[in-house]
Each structure stands twice: as structure tokens, then as C-alpha cells.
Amino acid sequence: MGGAFYEPLDDGRFRSTGHTAGPWNAESQHLGPPSGLLTRALEGVPANGSFAIARVTVEILGPVPVAELEVHAEIERPGRSVELLSAELRAGERTVARARAWRMLRSDSAAVSAGFGDPLPPPETAQPSGRPEGWGSGYLDAMEWRPLRGDFDVPGAATVWARQQVDLVAGEAPSALQRLLTVADTGNGISARLDPRRWWFINTDLTVHLYREPEDEWIGLEANTVIGPHGAGTALSTLYDRTGPVAAGAQALLVRSR
């Protein structure tokens, strides 16, 4: 599959392609590609030293149209060891998403690293999965999905491998962190417990805490949705590469009947 989620224009502007479209509305994007685009902007903020992003939070302020977008990032709080970065995604005059990231000075902690957990069975052990009937093309078709447990049309917790089949930005190979954030927003969808024809379960944000950057183009996602009694829920995810967990993700959910 060729193409990209975005085509670069100039001055931080990008043209969204049909690959970004979400499964319910061809005119609105799945939040995976915008999360990746915001991450790209955060990674592009110059650093005075060897820093690595340790946490990214994306706040969703409204639907992201499949249209021309503008993104800008800056240092919000500078520091010698820890810096806070911020980024904004705009569609015309409207800000549709914001992101903030903590960037930390790299150090050698390999001798004391611990607590990762076991790796997932590799993606080659799973069969490719197609888009469920009635779900729109776009983002779902631009990714390769290999479920180990559950699937998009199977309610409940799920574990899946995913791989981008298109670039994030045309002409560029996506970074490891961009690939991770492009997949991480899928935690809510893959582990949905409710029938989307009868219920809304809309995430307002995405937070990813990183242990390390993934080392492979395949990203594993082990996700579970918890639904409370008063219209709120949380989709919790562990993200993997072939060697084991690389990050933890969480999404706040608005849950109500249609």
C-alpha cells in the first residue's frame, strides 16, 4: 500500500489524506494519525543535550476534519534535566487537539531496569484481520492488524499487533515514537465492551508513559476497558515491541446511550 496519512505543505501545514479517516465518519479523522503528527512536532523541538520523551498526553478538543491542518510545538517549561513541551493542532481557526510531553535527560539505568513483564507471541503467530462489516475505510485499512485475542468486533479485552502500511508524512519514515502514538489511540476501539450502534464511548484524551522506544515496526497493544456506573470509563493499554512492553497508555471515556 502506498501513500501517507499527511502530505507536507509549508510552515507546519499538512494536507490530510483519506487514510486518516475514522471508521464512523469519512470526514473526521481517527485520532491515531493526529496523535502521531503532534508527536512529530514535539520531537522536532530542539534540545540542548541528549533528551528523550517520557510521557505524551493528547487532549482532544473536537473532531479533527480530513482537511488541511497546521501544527506548532514549543518548549513550555525549559530545564537542564526535565523539560515540558507543548504542541497545538489547528484546522482553520479552530484548535482541534493539544499535546504536552515531558522530555527527560537520558542516563544509563540499564543495570537496574526491571518490571517490564513478558513479551507477546510474535505477530507471525497471528492471522491478519479485516475491517468489520459496516466500519469505514481509512485508518483501519492503512494499518495491518494481527489479533492474538479478541478483535474490533469482539466485545471485551483484546491483544493485537499493528503495523503502519503508509507513512505518517509523505516522504518520511516515521520515528519509533510516532509509530507508537499512531497505534496507542486504538486501545479504546479494540477493547470496546459496548455495541457502538447503541452506545457512545468517546475518549477525550490519550496519555502514554514510555519505558523505552520500540525497536520494531510492529506495535503490540494489550487493552482493557473499564466502565463505571456514572457515565465514565477508562481504556487501559500496555504497548509492546517484539522484546516486551515499551509503554503504558490510558484514555478517559465518556459513556452514554445513543
Protein backbone atom coordinates (compact mmCIF):
# COMPACT_ATOMS: atom_id res chain seq x y z
CA MET A 1 0.00 0.00 0.00
CA GLY A 2 1.36 3.42 -0.92
CA GLY A 3 0.63 6.93 0.24
CA ALA A 4 0.72 8.61 3.65
CA PHE A 5 -1.57 9.95 6.33
CA TYR A 6 -0.41 13.51 5.60
CA GLU A 7 1.18 15.40 2.73
CA PRO A 8 3.51 18.24 3.80
CA LEU A 9 2.81 21.77 2.59
CA ASP A 10 4.82 24.55 4.26
CA ASP A 11 5.13 26.43 7.57
CA GLY A 12 3.90 23.49 9.63
CA ARG A 13 0.89 22.84 7.42
CA PHE A 14 -0.23 19.43 6.17
CA ARG A 15 -2.91 18.08 3.85
CA SER A 16 -4.78 15.15 5.40
CA THR A 17 -5.43 12.18 3.12
CA GLY A 18 -8.27 9.68 3.13
CA HIS A 19 -6.05 7.26 5.05
CA THR A 20 -6.70 9.32 8.22
CA ALA A 21 -10.48 8.84 8.17
CA GLY A 22 -12.10 7.15 11.17
CA PRO A 23 -14.49 4.18 10.98
CA TRP A 24 -17.70 6.14 11.69
CA ASN A 25 -17.34 9.29 9.56
CA ALA A 26 -15.28 9.66 6.40
CA GLU A 27 -14.95 13.41 7.06
CA SER A 28 -13.40 13.05 10.54
CA GLN A 29 -10.06 11.51 11.41
CA HIS A 30 -9.25 8.59 13.66
CA LEU A 31 -7.14 10.12 16.43
CA GLY A 32 -4.18 7.83 15.74
CA PRO A 33 -2.70 9.89 12.88
CA PRO A 34 -3.20 13.29 14.62
CA SER A 35 -1.51 11.87 17.73
CA GLY A 36 1.41 10.81 15.56
CA LEU A 37 1.55 14.23 13.88
CA LEU A 38 1.58 16.05 17.23
CA THR A 39 4.33 13.70 18.40
CA ARG A 40 6.36 14.51 15.29
CA ALA A 41 6.10 18.21 16.16
CA LEU A 42 7.15 17.56 19.77
CA GLU A 43 10.15 15.53 18.61
CA GLY A 44 11.15 18.41 16.34
CA VAL A 45 11.59 20.90 19.20
CA PRO A 46 15.38 21.49 19.50
CA ALA A 47 17.03 20.12 22.65
CA ASN A 48 20.17 21.33 24.39
CA GLY A 49 21.54 17.88 25.19
CA SER A 50 20.52 14.22 24.87
CA PHE A 51 16.84 14.16 25.90
CA ALA A 52 14.08 11.57 25.42
CA ILE A 53 10.32 11.98 25.65
CA ALA A 54 8.98 10.08 28.67
CA ARG A 55 5.29 10.97 28.55
CA VAL A 56 2.87 12.33 25.96
CA THR A 57 -0.69 13.48 26.66
CA VAL A 58 -3.03 14.39 23.81
CA GLU A 59 -6.16 16.38 24.69
CA ILE A 60 -8.93 16.05 22.08
CA LEU A 61 -10.82 19.35 21.76
CA GLY A 62 -13.13 18.37 18.92
CA PRO A 63 -13.42 16.32 15.73
CA VAL A 64 -10.33 16.51 13.51
CA PRO A 65 -11.52 17.01 9.92
CA VAL A 66 -9.93 15.28 6.94
CA ALA A 67 -8.64 18.62 5.73
CA GLU A 68 -5.64 20.94 5.86
CA LEU A 69 -4.06 21.12 9.33
CA GLU A 70 -1.43 23.28 10.99
CA VAL A 71 0.77 22.12 13.87
CA HIS A 72 3.14 24.05 16.11
CA ALA A 73 5.28 22.94 19.08
CA GLU A 74 7.48 24.71 21.63
CA ILE A 75 9.19 24.39 25.00
CA GLU A 76 6.68 25.39 27.66
CA ARG A 77 8.97 24.89 30.67
CA PRO A 78 12.74 24.64 29.98
CA GLY A 79 15.12 22.78 32.28
CA ARG A 80 18.55 21.21 32.48
CA SER A 81 17.21 17.71 33.25
CA VAL A 82 13.47 17.85 32.59
CA GLU A 83 11.54 19.95 30.07
CA LEU A 84 7.82 20.35 29.38
CA LEU A 85 6.90 20.60 25.70
CA SER A 86 3.56 21.60 24.20
CA ALA A 87 2.03 21.34 20.73
CA GLU A 88 -1.19 22.53 19.10
CA LEU A 89 -3.09 21.17 16.11
CA ARG A 90 -5.38 23.57 14.25
CA ALA A 91 -7.93 23.17 11.46
CA GLY A 92 -8.59 26.64 10.07
CA GLU A 93 -9.36 28.93 13.02
CA ARG A 94 -10.19 26.04 15.36
CA THR A 95 -7.79 24.26 17.70
CA VAL A 96 -8.75 20.59 17.48
CA ALA A 97 -6.11 18.98 19.73
CA ARG A 98 -3.28 19.88 22.08
CA ALA A 99 -0.40 17.77 23.34
CA ARG A 100 2.08 18.10 26.17
CA ALA A 101 5.15 15.98 26.74
CA TRP A 102 7.78 15.63 29.45
CA ARG A 103 11.24 15.34 27.96
CA MET A 104 13.97 13.99 30.25
CA LEU A 105 17.75 13.93 30.08
CA ARG A 106 18.99 10.48 29.07
CA SER A 107 21.09 8.49 31.55
CA ASP A 108 22.31 4.91 31.85
CA SER A 109 19.91 2.89 34.03
CA ALA A 110 20.32 -0.43 32.20
CA ALA A 111 21.86 -2.13 35.24
CA VAL A 112 18.72 -1.51 37.34
CA SER A 113 15.95 -1.78 34.71
CA ALA A 114 13.16 -4.10 35.89
CA GLY A 115 9.43 -4.80 35.94
CA PHE A 116 8.72 -4.98 32.22
CA GLY A 117 6.78 -8.25 32.03
CA ASP A 118 6.84 -10.94 29.37
CA PRO A 119 6.82 -10.34 25.61
CA LEU A 120 3.79 -11.13 23.47
CA PRO A 121 3.77 -14.01 20.99
CA PRO A 122 5.22 -12.54 17.78
CA PRO A 123 2.94 -11.12 15.08
CA GLU A 124 3.81 -14.00 12.73
CA THR A 125 1.83 -16.33 15.01
CA ALA A 126 -1.42 -14.42 14.34
CA GLN A 127 -3.56 -14.21 11.21
CA PRO A 128 -4.33 -10.84 9.57
CA SER A 129 -7.71 -9.39 10.48
CA GLY A 130 -10.01 -7.44 8.17
CA ARG A 131 -12.14 -4.39 8.87
CA PRO A 132 -15.53 -5.31 10.42
CA GLU A 133 -18.56 -5.06 8.15
CA GLY A 134 -20.10 -1.59 8.23
CA TRP A 135 -16.95 0.13 9.50
CA GLY A 136 -15.45 2.78 7.24
CA SER A 137 -12.11 2.51 5.46
CA GLY A 138 -9.27 4.96 6.04
CA TYR A 139 -7.12 4.47 9.11
CA LEU A 140 -8.21 0.87 9.71
CA ASP A 141 -7.22 -0.13 6.16
CA ALA A 142 -3.95 1.83 6.33
CA MET A 143 -2.81 -0.40 9.19
CA GLU A 144 -2.16 -4.15 9.24
CA TRP A 145 -3.89 -5.83 12.19
CA ARG A 146 -2.99 -9.23 13.63
CA PRO A 147 -5.12 -10.05 16.71
CA LEU A 148 -3.83 -12.52 19.30
CA ARG A 149 -7.01 -12.27 21.40
CA GLY A 150 -10.29 -10.53 20.60
CA ASP A 151 -10.81 -8.15 17.67
CA PHE A 152 -12.61 -4.91 16.80
CA ASP A 153 -15.98 -6.66 16.51
CA VAL A 154 -15.47 -8.90 19.58
CA PRO A 155 -16.52 -7.18 22.84
CA GLY A 156 -14.04 -7.05 25.72
CA ALA A 157 -10.32 -7.05 26.38
CA ALA A 158 -8.10 -7.66 23.37
CA THR A 159 -4.47 -8.06 22.34
CA VAL A 160 -3.40 -7.14 18.82
CA TRP A 161 -0.32 -6.41 16.77
CA ALA A 162 -0.46 -3.43 14.40
CA ARG A 163 1.83 -2.11 11.70
CA GLN A 164 1.60 1.07 9.60
CA GLN A 165 1.30 0.39 5.88
CA VAL A 166 1.66 4.07 4.94
CA ASP A 167 4.00 6.84 6.09
CA LEU A 168 2.86 9.34 8.68
CA VAL A 169 4.13 12.20 6.50
CA ALA A 170 4.77 11.57 2.81
CA GLY A 171 8.43 11.01 2.02
CA GLU A 172 9.44 10.36 5.65
CA ALA A 173 9.94 7.15 7.58
CA PRO A 174 8.03 7.54 10.87
CA SER A 175 10.08 7.55 14.06
CA ALA A 176 9.61 4.85 16.68
CA LEU A 177 7.66 7.22 18.92
CA GLN A 178 5.45 8.38 16.05
CA ARG A 179 4.57 4.76 15.22
CA LEU A 180 3.74 4.13 18.88
CA LEU A 181 1.39 7.11 19.24
CA THR A 182 -0.29 6.36 15.91
CA VAL A 183 -1.36 2.99 17.34
CA ALA A 184 -1.95 3.89 21.01
CA ASP A 185 -5.30 5.65 20.48
CA THR A 186 -6.75 2.31 19.27
CA GLY A 187 -6.89 0.93 22.82
CA ASN A 188 -10.47 2.15 23.26
CA GLY A 189 -11.68 0.69 19.97
CA ILE A 190 -10.03 -2.72 20.17
CA SER A 191 -11.22 -3.35 23.76
CA ALA A 192 -14.75 -1.89 23.44
CA ARG A 193 -17.31 -3.67 25.61
CA LEU A 194 -20.40 -1.97 24.18
CA ASP A 195 -22.25 -2.07 20.86
CA PRO A 196 -21.28 1.16 19.04
CA ARG A 197 -24.72 1.19 17.39
CA ARG A 198 -26.32 1.63 20.82
CA TRP A 199 -23.66 3.37 22.94
CA TRP A 200 -21.17 6.22 22.76
CA PHE A 201 -17.78 5.54 24.37
CA ILE A 202 -15.75 8.53 23.25
CA ASN A 203 -12.24 9.17 24.54
CA THR A 204 -11.38 12.75 25.49
CA ASP A 205 -7.65 12.20 25.75
CA LEU A 206 -4.72 9.82 25.39
CA THR A 207 -1.76 9.56 27.76
CA VAL A 208 1.25 7.36 27.03
CA HIS A 209 4.04 6.79 29.58
CA LEU A 210 7.18 5.40 27.94
CA TYR A 211 9.71 2.98 29.42
CA ARG A 212 11.72 2.95 26.19
CA GLU A 213 11.22 3.44 22.46
CA PRO A 214 10.00 0.45 20.41
CA GLU A 215 12.62 -1.26 18.25
CA ASP A 216 10.42 -2.72 15.51
CA GLU A 217 7.76 -1.56 13.07
CA TRP A 218 5.20 -3.82 14.76
CA ILE A 219 3.45 -2.34 17.84
CA GLY A 220 1.61 -4.68 20.20
CA LEU A 221 -1.44 -3.40 22.07
CA GLU A 222 -2.94 -5.21 25.06
CA ALA A 223 -6.06 -3.27 26.07
CA ASN A 224 -8.93 -3.45 28.52
CA THR A 225 -11.86 -1.07 29.00
CA VAL A 226 -13.30 -0.43 32.48
CA ILE A 227 -16.77 1.19 32.62
CA GLY A 228 -18.02 2.88 35.76
CA PRO A 229 -21.66 3.31 36.90
CA HIS A 230 -21.97 7.07 36.19
CA GLY A 231 -21.07 7.52 32.52
CA ALA A 232 -17.27 7.47 32.75
CA GLY A 233 -14.79 4.79 31.81
CA THR A 234 -11.11 4.20 31.15
CA ALA A 235 -9.36 2.26 28.42
CA LEU A 236 -6.04 0.95 29.78
CA SER A 237 -3.31 -0.36 27.49
CA THR A 238 0.13 -1.90 27.58
CA LEU A 239 2.14 -1.29 24.40
CA TYR A 240 4.81 -3.68 23.17
CA ASP A 241 7.53 -4.32 20.66
CA ARG A 242 8.80 -7.83 19.96
CA THR A 243 11.02 -7.91 23.05
CA GLY A 244 8.40 -6.81 25.59
CA PRO A 245 6.43 -3.86 26.99
CA VAL A 246 7.55 -0.36 25.99
CA ALA A 247 4.81 1.91 27.38
CA ALA A 248 1.51 2.22 29.25
CA GLY A 249 -1.49 4.05 27.82
CA ALA A 250 -4.77 5.37 29.22
CA GLN A 251 -7.85 7.08 27.75
CA ALA A 252 -10.72 8.72 29.63
CA LEU A 253 -14.12 7.75 28.16
CA LEU A 254 -17.49 9.43 28.02
CA VAL A 255 -20.04 6.57 28.13
CA ARG A 256 -23.74 7.14 27.34
CA SER A 257 -26.51 5.60 25.28
CA ARG A 258 -27.20 6.92 21.79
